[in-house]
């Protein structure tokens, strides 16, 4: 690795396989530092690439990317390190000074940290400990999304272990935007006089930017006494344009017979029923009404108003969006067990009908509701549809990007998720793709985020959410 010809300020990052599956080109994120790929990681990618699953595609992308960098290198150059390509980054342009290095970790499988070398995780940890011993003047960092592996690496004597955080936009989930601002006291007493004009059915207020310095597109404002409610519809360096919605009007909005039970649901209905908002992100605990509101608005906009032609419902399957298994039937029949929450919600919406199940089936046919697997969303172009992505907290940023980029003209995407119920082994609330999308899209004029923080399912569900 050329100890004498390297800058002492450089770090050495050892990447685990799950980092490359999470972000296939992750090694390009360390341009000023050296990146080590242990041979065991290449072997794991090789085993994964031929599986019939979405994660196999990420493995193949990672392998092709590594080949692009190393294809002309000799074996000696691969062990010494090949210069990482320079890519355009945010901020000042800085040429790459780091190297990509392949290390044969089988040479020191179990003689370094005391961990037995018959497990892949142990081989990768041993590789990092070996490099730490060899280059004591460098900071050798193992990067893995496996929490238990990070613990074992620390116990094996590795000083620096990190999660992959390049796509992490916040450090604390409490900093995640809720999509609305609660103004203390009376709004007009705080803001004072401003210019107002009638625009269609709403009044637009032009408030000085100094009064509301940190707002973003389609953020809602409500005051402490629930007397004022508005939505940000535009802003520049001098003014913020607010659409005066009115608390009364928000609380009387309805979709498919569903009325809001609190102001948060009222704000959610406003965003869901607005065709100009193409992406709606609904976060909140179990029982707050995310799926019910999304589906009610989808039926309203498809059947009653005819704005959209169909409703596509999808979610990841338990194996982190991998195979939907060997269940019999068509794709929709295979997806039915994972989307039982949707069919349950449809029955709730028609519980007063004489035959809720027959009514549910009729509505599914009339609204052209289709159940799709996330696996088969790639490569499609979805036009004039409402897409409901349920349980989106279990998806990575790249998986969510895949779905968002499938949405063509006239399509509205609704993502619902509870960041307290993440099933993925490698995601946390701050690294979830839902968190990433909420933060990344908050300045986009075609998106809105609402945190539904009140449990309205039942007093039992409310107690469990607050006390368990």
Protein backbone atom coordinates (compact mmCIF):
# COMPACT_ATOMS: atom_id res chain seq x y z
CA UNK A 1 0.00 0.00 0.00
CA UNK A 2 2.98 2.26 -0.35
CA UNK A 3 3.39 3.54 3.18
CA UNK A 4 6.04 6.12 2.34
CA UNK A 5 4.27 7.78 -0.59
CA UNK A 6 0.99 8.53 1.15
CA UNK A 7 -0.28 11.61 2.88
CA UNK A 8 -0.41 11.15 6.63
CA UNK A 9 -3.76 12.96 6.69
CA UNK A 10 -5.40 10.24 4.59
CA UNK A 11 -7.69 7.75 6.25
CA UNK A 12 -8.15 4.15 5.21
CA UNK A 13 -11.77 3.00 4.92
CA UNK A 14 -12.52 -0.73 4.85
CA UNK A 15 -15.98 -1.32 3.33
CA UNK A 16 -18.29 -4.14 4.34
CA UNK A 17 -20.49 -5.85 1.75
CA UNK A 18 -23.73 -4.37 3.09
CA UNK A 19 -22.42 -0.86 2.39
CA UNK A 20 -22.08 -1.67 -1.32
CA UNK A 21 -25.54 -3.25 -1.34
CA UNK A 22 -26.95 -0.14 0.33
CA UNK A 23 -25.09 2.19 -2.08
CA UNK A 24 -23.35 0.30 -4.92
CA UNK A 25 -20.96 3.17 -5.70
CA UNK A 26 -20.22 3.97 -2.07
CA UNK A 27 -16.45 3.77 -2.65
CA UNK A 28 -16.68 6.99 -4.69
CA UNK A 29 -17.79 8.89 -1.57
CA UNK A 30 -14.27 8.74 -0.02
CA UNK A 31 -12.35 10.58 -2.74
CA UNK A 32 -9.63 12.11 -0.58
CA UNK A 33 -9.05 8.88 1.34
CA UNK A 34 -8.05 5.31 0.51
CA UNK A 35 -10.78 2.67 0.22
CA UNK A 36 -10.07 -1.01 0.88
CA UNK A 37 -12.29 -3.76 -0.52
CA UNK A 38 -11.43 -7.11 1.15
CA UNK A 39 -11.51 -10.20 -1.08
CA UNK A 40 -14.32 -11.60 1.10
CA UNK A 41 -16.53 -8.68 0.05
CA UNK A 42 -15.97 -9.52 -3.61
CA UNK A 43 -16.88 -13.14 -2.88
CA UNK A 44 -20.10 -12.13 -1.12
CA UNK A 45 -21.05 -9.84 -4.01
CA UNK A 46 -20.39 -12.73 -6.40
CA UNK A 47 -22.75 -15.01 -4.45
CA UNK A 48 -25.46 -12.35 -4.28
CA UNK A 49 -25.37 -11.13 -7.90
CA UNK A 50 -27.13 -14.20 -9.34
CA UNK A 51 -30.04 -14.28 -6.91
CA UNK A 52 -33.47 -13.38 -8.25
CA UNK A 53 -33.89 -10.37 -6.02
CA UNK A 54 -33.64 -6.60 -6.10
CA UNK A 55 -30.47 -6.62 -4.02
CA UNK A 56 -28.77 -8.70 -6.75
CA UNK A 57 -29.02 -5.73 -9.07
CA UNK A 58 -27.13 -3.59 -6.55
CA UNK A 59 -24.43 -6.27 -6.30
CA UNK A 60 -24.01 -6.27 -10.08
CA UNK A 61 -23.81 -2.47 -10.20
CA UNK A 62 -21.12 -2.52 -7.50
CA UNK A 63 -19.12 -5.19 -9.37
CA UNK A 64 -19.33 -3.34 -12.70
CA UNK A 65 -18.27 -0.10 -11.03
CA UNK A 66 -15.23 -1.77 -9.45
CA UNK A 67 -14.34 -3.32 -12.81
CA UNK A 68 -14.47 0.10 -14.51
CA UNK A 69 -11.82 1.38 -12.11
CA UNK A 70 -9.62 -1.73 -11.93
CA UNK A 71 -9.96 -3.33 -15.38
CA UNK A 72 -6.64 -1.99 -16.71
CA UNK A 73 -4.71 -2.48 -13.46
CA UNK A 74 -2.11 -5.19 -12.99
CA UNK A 75 -2.32 -7.46 -9.92
CA UNK A 76 0.51 -5.44 -8.35
CA UNK A 77 -1.33 -2.16 -9.01
CA UNK A 78 -4.55 -3.53 -7.50
CA UNK A 79 -2.71 -4.42 -4.30
CA UNK A 80 -0.87 -1.09 -4.32
CA UNK A 81 -3.99 0.92 -5.06
CA UNK A 82 -5.61 2.49 -8.13
CA UNK A 83 -6.52 6.16 -8.07
CA UNK A 84 -10.23 6.75 -7.47
CA UNK A 85 -11.93 8.66 -10.30
CA UNK A 86 -12.87 12.25 -9.67
CA UNK A 87 -16.60 12.90 -9.56
CA UNK A 88 -18.46 16.17 -9.23
CA UNK A 89 -19.38 16.85 -5.62
CA UNK A 90 -21.40 19.60 -3.97
CA UNK A 91 -19.23 22.55 -3.02
CA UNK A 92 -15.71 23.44 -4.23
CA UNK A 93 -14.23 21.07 -6.79
CA UNK A 94 -11.50 18.89 -5.30
CA UNK A 95 -9.61 16.27 -7.34
CA UNK A 96 -9.52 12.75 -5.98
CA UNK A 97 -6.38 11.84 -4.06
CA UNK A 98 -7.54 8.51 -2.65
CA UNK A 99 -6.93 4.99 -3.92
CA UNK A 100 -9.06 1.88 -4.34
CA UNK A 101 -7.24 -1.16 -2.97
CA UNK A 102 -8.13 -4.87 -3.09
CA UNK A 103 -6.75 -6.80 -0.10
CA UNK A 104 -6.59 -10.59 0.10
CA UNK A 105 -7.89 -11.02 3.63
CA UNK A 106 -7.58 -14.83 3.43
CA UNK A 107 -3.85 -14.47 4.08
CA UNK A 108 -4.49 -13.48 7.69
CA UNK A 109 -7.85 -15.11 8.32
CA UNK A 110 -7.66 -15.84 12.05
CA UNK A 111 -4.23 -14.79 13.26
CA UNK A 112 -4.89 -11.12 14.00
CA UNK A 113 -7.83 -10.37 16.31
CA UNK A 114 -8.54 -13.77 17.79
CA UNK A 115 -11.84 -14.05 15.91
CA UNK A 116 -12.12 -17.38 14.04
CA UNK A 117 -11.64 -16.93 10.31
CA UNK A 118 -14.43 -19.25 9.18
CA UNK A 119 -17.01 -16.45 9.06
CA UNK A 120 -17.04 -13.71 6.44
CA UNK A 121 -17.66 -10.93 8.98
CA UNK A 122 -14.64 -12.11 10.98
CA UNK A 123 -12.42 -12.12 7.89
CA UNK A 124 -13.36 -8.52 7.13
CA UNK A 125 -12.76 -7.48 10.76
CA UNK A 126 -9.40 -9.28 10.74
CA UNK A 127 -8.50 -7.42 7.56
CA UNK A 128 -9.23 -4.07 9.20
CA UNK A 129 -7.28 -4.99 12.37
CA UNK A 130 -4.33 -6.12 10.21
CA UNK A 131 -4.30 -2.76 8.39
CA UNK A 132 -4.55 -0.93 11.72
CA UNK A 133 -1.48 -2.79 12.97
CA UNK A 134 0.42 -2.27 9.72
CA UNK A 135 -0.31 1.44 9.41
CA UNK A 136 -0.37 2.66 12.99
CA UNK A 137 0.03 6.26 11.86
CA UNK A 138 -3.22 6.09 9.85
CA UNK A 139 -6.81 6.05 10.96
CA UNK A 140 -8.18 2.73 9.71
CA UNK A 141 -12.00 2.78 9.74
CA UNK A 142 -14.31 -0.18 9.20
CA UNK A 143 -17.54 1.00 7.55
CA UNK A 144 -20.50 -1.35 7.99
CA UNK A 145 -24.24 -1.07 8.41
CA UNK A 146 -24.31 -4.19 10.58
CA UNK A 147 -24.63 -3.02 14.20
CA UNK A 148 -23.50 -6.35 15.66
CA UNK A 149 -20.46 -6.38 13.40
CA UNK A 150 -19.53 -2.91 14.65
CA UNK A 151 -19.71 -4.21 18.23
CA UNK A 152 -17.58 -7.26 17.42
CA UNK A 153 -15.02 -5.12 15.60
CA UNK A 154 -14.64 -2.86 18.63
CA UNK A 155 -14.31 -5.92 20.87
CA UNK A 156 -11.64 -7.31 18.53
CA UNK A 157 -9.51 -4.22 19.02
CA UNK A 158 -10.47 -2.03 16.07
CA UNK A 159 -10.36 1.60 17.17
CA UNK A 160 -12.58 3.19 14.53
CA UNK A 161 -15.87 1.71 13.34
CA UNK A 162 -18.61 3.67 11.58
CA UNK A 163 -21.95 3.35 9.88
CA UNK A 164 -22.17 4.52 6.26
CA UNK A 165 -23.62 8.02 6.64
CA UNK A 166 -23.07 9.71 3.29
CA UNK A 167 -26.82 9.55 2.55
CA UNK A 168 -27.77 10.52 6.10
CA UNK A 169 -29.06 14.10 6.18
CA UNK A 170 -29.85 14.43 9.89
CA UNK A 171 -28.11 13.17 13.04
CA UNK A 172 -31.17 12.95 15.27
CA UNK A 173 -34.61 11.73 14.22
CA UNK A 174 -36.11 14.44 16.42
CA UNK A 175 -34.73 16.95 13.89
CA UNK A 176 -36.82 15.46 11.08
CA UNK A 177 -39.28 17.96 9.70
CA UNK A 178 -42.91 17.44 10.65
CA UNK A 179 -44.18 19.39 7.65
CA UNK A 180 -45.80 22.09 9.72
CA UNK A 181 -44.91 24.89 12.14
CA UNK A 182 -46.82 25.61 15.32
CA UNK A 183 -46.81 29.40 15.80
CA UNK A 184 -46.95 30.40 19.50
CA UNK A 185 -49.82 32.69 20.40
CA UNK A 186 -51.89 34.49 17.79
CA UNK A 187 -50.45 34.42 14.25
CA UNK A 188 -51.51 37.94 13.26
CA UNK A 189 -50.18 39.49 16.44
CA UNK A 190 -46.79 37.95 15.66
CA UNK A 191 -46.76 38.87 11.98
CA UNK A 192 -48.54 42.20 11.95
CA UNK A 193 -49.82 43.76 8.73
CA UNK A 194 -49.16 42.22 5.33
CA UNK A 195 -50.41 42.44 1.76
CA UNK A 196 -53.25 40.07 0.85
CA UNK A 197 -55.02 39.23 -2.37
CA UNK A 198 -57.76 36.87 -3.50
CA UNK A 199 -56.60 34.02 -5.72
CA UNK A 200 -59.35 31.63 -6.78
CA UNK A 201 -61.12 30.33 -3.66
CA UNK A 202 -58.27 31.29 -1.32
CA UNK A 203 -56.64 34.41 0.08
CA UNK A 204 -52.88 34.74 -0.43
CA UNK A 205 -50.90 36.63 2.22
CA UNK A 206 -47.46 38.08 1.43
CA UNK A 207 -45.61 37.94 4.75
CA UNK A 208 -42.11 39.46 5.17
CA UNK A 209 -39.47 36.72 5.00
CA UNK A 210 -37.92 38.04 8.20
CA UNK A 211 -41.05 36.93 10.08
CA UNK A 212 -40.81 33.36 8.71
CA UNK A 213 -37.13 32.83 7.85
CA UNK A 214 -36.91 29.03 7.80
CA UNK A 215 -40.03 27.89 5.93
CA UNK A 216 -39.96 25.54 2.93
CA UNK A 217 -42.31 24.66 0.08
CA UNK A 218 -45.81 23.47 1.10
CA UNK A 219 -45.04 23.68 4.80
CA UNK A 220 -48.15 24.27 6.88
CA UNK A 221 -48.52 26.93 9.57
CA UNK A 222 -51.00 26.75 12.44
CA UNK A 223 -51.16 28.94 15.49
CA UNK A 224 -51.37 27.86 19.10
CA UNK A 225 -55.08 28.48 19.42
CA UNK A 226 -55.97 26.66 16.19
CA UNK A 227 -57.45 29.87 14.83
CA UNK A 228 -55.16 30.22 11.80
CA UNK A 229 -54.02 27.66 9.23
CA UNK A 230 -52.09 28.29 6.03
CA UNK A 231 -49.72 26.63 3.59
CA UNK A 232 -46.54 28.05 2.07
CA UNK A 233 -47.12 28.28 -1.69
CA UNK A 234 -44.04 30.33 -2.59
CA UNK A 235 -41.21 32.40 -1.21
CA UNK A 236 -38.24 34.52 -2.20
CA UNK A 237 -35.62 36.54 -0.31
CA UNK A 238 -38.16 39.16 0.75
CA UNK A 239 -41.60 37.57 1.10
CA UNK A 240 -43.36 34.31 1.88
CA UNK A 241 -46.65 33.62 0.10
CA UNK A 242 -49.18 31.90 2.36
CA UNK A 243 -52.45 30.35 1.18
CA UNK A 244 -54.96 30.98 3.95
CA UNK A 245 -56.74 27.65 4.44
CA UNK A 246 -58.65 28.32 7.62
CA UNK A 247 -58.96 25.79 10.41
CA UNK A 248 -62.70 25.42 9.82
CA UNK A 249 -62.18 24.65 6.15
CA UNK A 250 -59.42 22.13 6.90
CA UNK A 251 -61.52 20.31 9.47
CA UNK A 252 -64.45 20.06 7.03
CA UNK A 253 -62.46 18.54 4.19
CA UNK A 254 -63.44 14.99 3.38
CA UNK A 255 -62.52 12.21 0.98
CA UNK A 256 -64.65 9.11 0.32
CA UNK A 257 -66.65 9.85 3.46
CA UNK A 258 -63.56 10.23 5.67
CA UNK A 259 -63.29 13.45 7.68
CA UNK A 260 -60.25 14.58 9.67
CA UNK A 261 -60.26 13.86 13.40
CA UNK A 262 -57.53 16.40 14.16
CA UNK A 263 -55.76 19.31 12.47
CA UNK A 264 -52.88 17.08 11.31
CA UNK A 265 -55.28 14.87 9.37
CA UNK A 266 -56.87 18.02 7.97
CA UNK A 267 -53.50 19.18 6.64
CA UNK A 268 -52.85 15.71 5.22
CA UNK A 269 -56.19 15.69 3.38
CA UNK A 270 -55.41 19.12 1.94
CA UNK A 271 -52.13 17.87 0.48
CA UNK A 272 -53.54 14.54 -0.67
CA UNK A 273 -56.45 16.14 -2.52
CA UNK A 274 -54.29 18.73 -4.31
CA UNK A 275 -53.30 17.42 -7.78
CA UNK A 276 -50.50 20.00 -7.95
CA UNK A 277 -48.69 18.21 -5.12
CA UNK A 278 -47.17 15.16 -6.80
CA UNK A 279 -45.45 13.67 -3.75
CA UNK A 280 -47.05 13.39 -0.31
CA UNK A 281 -45.05 11.89 2.57
CA UNK A 282 -47.09 10.76 5.58
CA UNK A 283 -45.13 9.83 8.70
CA UNK A 284 -46.35 8.98 12.17
CA UNK A 285 -47.04 6.18 14.66
CA UNK A 286 -49.24 3.16 14.10
CA UNK A 287 -52.93 4.03 14.20
CA UNK A 288 -52.64 7.69 13.19
CA UNK A 289 -54.56 7.18 9.92
CA UNK A 290 -51.80 7.22 7.28
CA UNK A 291 -53.10 4.34 5.15
CA UNK A 292 -56.78 5.21 5.67
CA UNK A 293 -56.31 8.81 4.51
CA UNK A 294 -54.10 7.81 1.56
CA UNK A 295 -56.58 5.22 0.31
CA UNK A 296 -59.66 7.38 0.88
CA UNK A 297 -58.11 10.22 -1.11
CA UNK A 298 -57.01 7.81 -3.84
CA UNK A 299 -60.60 6.57 -4.24
CA UNK A 300 -61.97 10.11 -4.16
CA UNK A 301 -59.55 11.37 -6.82
CA UNK A 302 -59.94 8.30 -9.03
CA UNK A 303 -63.65 7.44 -8.88
CA UNK A 304 -65.42 10.64 -7.83
CA UNK A 305 -63.24 13.29 -9.49
CA UNK A 306 -61.69 11.26 -12.30
CA UNK A 307 -58.32 13.00 -11.94
CA UNK A 308 -56.42 9.70 -12.11
CA UNK A 309 -57.04 6.49 -14.05
CA UNK A 310 -55.89 3.88 -11.53
CA UNK A 311 -54.45 3.22 -8.09
CA UNK A 312 -51.22 1.23 -7.70
CA UNK A 313 -50.45 -0.05 -4.21
CA UNK A 314 -47.00 -1.40 -3.39
CA UNK A 315 -44.70 -2.06 -0.47
CA UNK A 316 -41.49 -3.89 0.22
CA UNK A 317 -41.69 -7.56 1.11
CA UNK A 318 -40.09 -8.73 4.37
CA UNK A 319 -36.78 -9.84 2.85
CA UNK A 320 -35.79 -6.19 2.31
CA UNK A 321 -37.61 -5.92 -1.01
CA UNK A 322 -36.34 -9.25 -2.28
CA UNK A 323 -38.36 -12.25 -3.49
CA UNK A 324 -42.14 -12.42 -3.02
CA UNK A 325 -41.71 -16.16 -2.58
CA UNK A 326 -43.52 -19.20 -3.86
CA UNK A 327 -47.08 -18.20 -3.02
CA UNK A 328 -49.46 -19.43 -5.74
CA UNK A 329 -51.24 -17.18 -8.18
CA UNK A 330 -50.60 -13.96 -10.05
CA UNK A 331 -48.38 -11.11 -8.88
CA UNK A 332 -51.38 -9.41 -7.25
CA UNK A 333 -52.40 -12.62 -5.45
CA UNK A 334 -48.82 -13.10 -4.23
CA UNK A 335 -48.76 -9.53 -2.90
CA UNK A 336 -52.14 -9.82 -1.13
CA UNK A 337 -50.69 -11.11 2.20
CA UNK A 338 -48.26 -8.18 2.37
CA UNK A 339 -50.98 -5.68 1.49
CA UNK A 340 -53.63 -6.97 3.89
CA UNK A 341 -53.58 -3.54 5.56
CA UNK A 342 -54.93 -2.07 2.32
CA UNK A 343 -57.77 -4.58 1.98
CA UNK A 344 -58.57 -4.17 5.68
CA UNK A 345 -58.75 -0.41 5.15
CA UNK A 346 -61.06 -0.83 2.16
CA UNK A 347 -63.39 -2.91 4.31
CA UNK A 348 -63.33 -0.21 7.00
CA UNK A 349 -64.28 2.39 4.39
CA UNK A 350 -67.31 0.26 3.43
CA UNK A 351 -68.21 -1.24 6.80
CA UNK A 352 -71.71 0.24 6.66
CA UNK A 353 -72.52 -1.49 3.37
CA UNK A 354 -74.61 -4.65 3.48
CA UNK A 355 -71.70 -6.73 2.16
CA UNK A 356 -68.36 -5.00 2.91
CA UNK A 357 -66.27 -7.63 1.10
CA UNK A 358 -68.41 -7.54 -2.05
CA UNK A 359 -68.36 -3.76 -1.90
CA UNK A 360 -64.58 -3.82 -1.46
CA UNK A 361 -64.12 -6.02 -4.53
CA UNK A 362 -66.44 -3.80 -6.57
CA UNK A 363 -64.54 -0.66 -5.58
CA UNK A 364 -61.18 -2.30 -6.31
CA UNK A 365 -62.39 -3.06 -9.82
CA UNK A 366 -63.98 0.35 -10.36
CA UNK A 367 -60.90 2.25 -9.12
CA UNK A 368 -58.62 -0.15 -11.00
CA UNK A 369 -56.61 -0.86 -7.83
CA UNK A 370 -53.50 -2.90 -8.63
CA UNK A 371 -51.18 -4.58 -6.16
CA UNK A 372 -47.56 -4.52 -7.35
CA UNK A 373 -44.26 -5.70 -5.93
CA UNK A 374 -41.44 -3.19 -5.51
CA UNK A 375 -39.26 -5.64 -7.46
CA UNK A 376 -41.26 -5.05 -10.63
CA UNK A 377 -41.46 -1.26 -10.41
CA UNK A 378 -38.01 -0.86 -11.94
CA UNK A 379 -38.06 0.09 -15.61
CA UNK A 380 -41.74 1.07 -15.69
CA UNK A 381 -43.21 4.46 -16.52
CA UNK A 382 -46.45 5.02 -14.61
CA UNK A 383 -48.85 7.58 -16.10
CA UNK A 384 -52.04 9.18 -14.68
CA UNK A 385 -52.10 7.09 -11.53
CA UNK A 386 -51.98 7.38 -7.77
CA UNK A 387 -49.18 5.23 -6.35
CA UNK A 388 -49.41 4.36 -2.65
CA UNK A 389 -46.13 3.11 -1.21
CA UNK A 390 -46.96 1.60 2.17
CA UNK A 391 -44.39 0.83 4.93
CA UNK A 392 -41.78 2.93 3.11
CA UNK A 393 -39.62 3.24 6.23
CA UNK A 394 -38.11 -0.16 5.33
CA UNK A 395 -36.69 1.04 2.00
CA UNK A 396 -33.30 2.57 1.30
CA UNK A 397 -32.86 5.91 -0.44
CA UNK A 398 -31.85 4.17 -3.68
CA UNK A 399 -34.94 1.94 -3.60
CA UNK A 400 -37.19 4.94 -3.07
CA UNK A 401 -35.40 6.77 -5.88
CA UNK A 402 -36.19 3.84 -8.17
CA UNK A 403 -39.90 4.17 -7.42
CA UNK A 404 -40.03 7.97 -7.59
CA UNK A 405 -38.31 8.02 -10.98
CA UNK A 406 -40.99 5.65 -12.34
CA UNK A 407 -43.68 8.30 -11.88
CA UNK A 408 -44.57 9.92 -15.20
CA UNK A 409 -46.92 12.73 -16.15
CA UNK A 410 -50.09 13.04 -14.09
CA UNK A 411 -48.97 10.61 -11.39
CA UNK A 412 -49.15 11.25 -7.65
CA UNK A 413 -46.98 9.27 -5.21
CA UNK A 414 -48.04 8.83 -1.57
CA UNK A 415 -45.40 7.38 0.77
CA UNK A 416 -46.51 6.28 4.23
CA UNK A 417 -44.29 5.00 7.00
CA UNK A 418 -43.66 4.70 10.72
CA UNK A 419 -39.99 5.26 11.56
CA UNK A 420 -40.49 3.51 14.90
CA UNK A 421 -41.28 0.21 13.12
CA UNK A 422 -38.29 -0.50 10.88
CA UNK A 423 -37.91 -4.20 10.04
CA UNK A 424 -34.72 -3.93 7.98
CA UNK A 425 -31.53 -5.23 9.60
CA UNK A 426 -29.45 -2.39 8.19
CA UNK A 427 -31.66 0.68 8.55
CA UNK A 428 -32.28 3.00 11.48
CA UNK A 429 -34.68 5.95 11.71
CA UNK A 430 -31.97 8.39 10.61
CA UNK A 431 -30.70 6.22 7.73
CA UNK A 432 -34.11 5.10 6.42
CA UNK A 433 -34.88 6.07 2.85
CA UNK A 434 -38.09 7.70 4.09
CA UNK A 435 -36.10 10.06 6.31
CA UNK A 436 -33.77 10.84 3.40
CA UNK A 437 -36.65 11.61 1.03
CA UNK A 438 -38.47 13.77 3.59
CA UNK A 439 -35.38 15.95 4.03
CA UNK A 440 -34.30 15.94 0.37
CA UNK A 441 -37.72 16.91 -1.03
CA UNK A 442 -38.78 19.51 1.50
CA UNK A 443 -37.76 22.39 -0.80
CA UNK A 444 -39.49 20.86 -3.83
CA UNK A 445 -42.64 22.80 -4.72
CA UNK A 446 -44.40 19.61 -5.82
CA UNK A 447 -44.11 17.75 -2.49
CA UNK A 448 -45.55 17.98 1.01
CA UNK A 449 -44.78 16.20 4.27
CA UNK A 450 -47.20 15.70 7.16
CA UNK A 451 -46.42 14.03 10.47
CA UNK A 452 -49.65 12.55 11.85
CA UNK A 453 -48.65 12.51 15.50
CA UNK A 454 -51.97 11.55 17.07
CA UNK A 455 -53.09 7.92 17.37
CA UNK A 456 -56.79 7.73 16.48
CA UNK A 457 -57.21 3.97 16.00
CA UNK A 458 -58.39 3.20 19.54
CA UNK A 459 -57.56 4.03 23.15
CA UNK A 460 -55.85 0.64 23.39
CA UNK A 461 -53.60 1.41 20.41
CA UNK A 462 -52.95 4.91 21.76
CA UNK A 463 -51.90 3.58 25.15
CA UNK A 464 -49.63 0.95 23.58
CA UNK A 465 -47.96 3.52 21.31
CA UNK A 466 -47.27 5.87 24.21
CA UNK A 467 -46.34 3.41 26.97
CA UNK A 468 -44.81 0.26 25.45
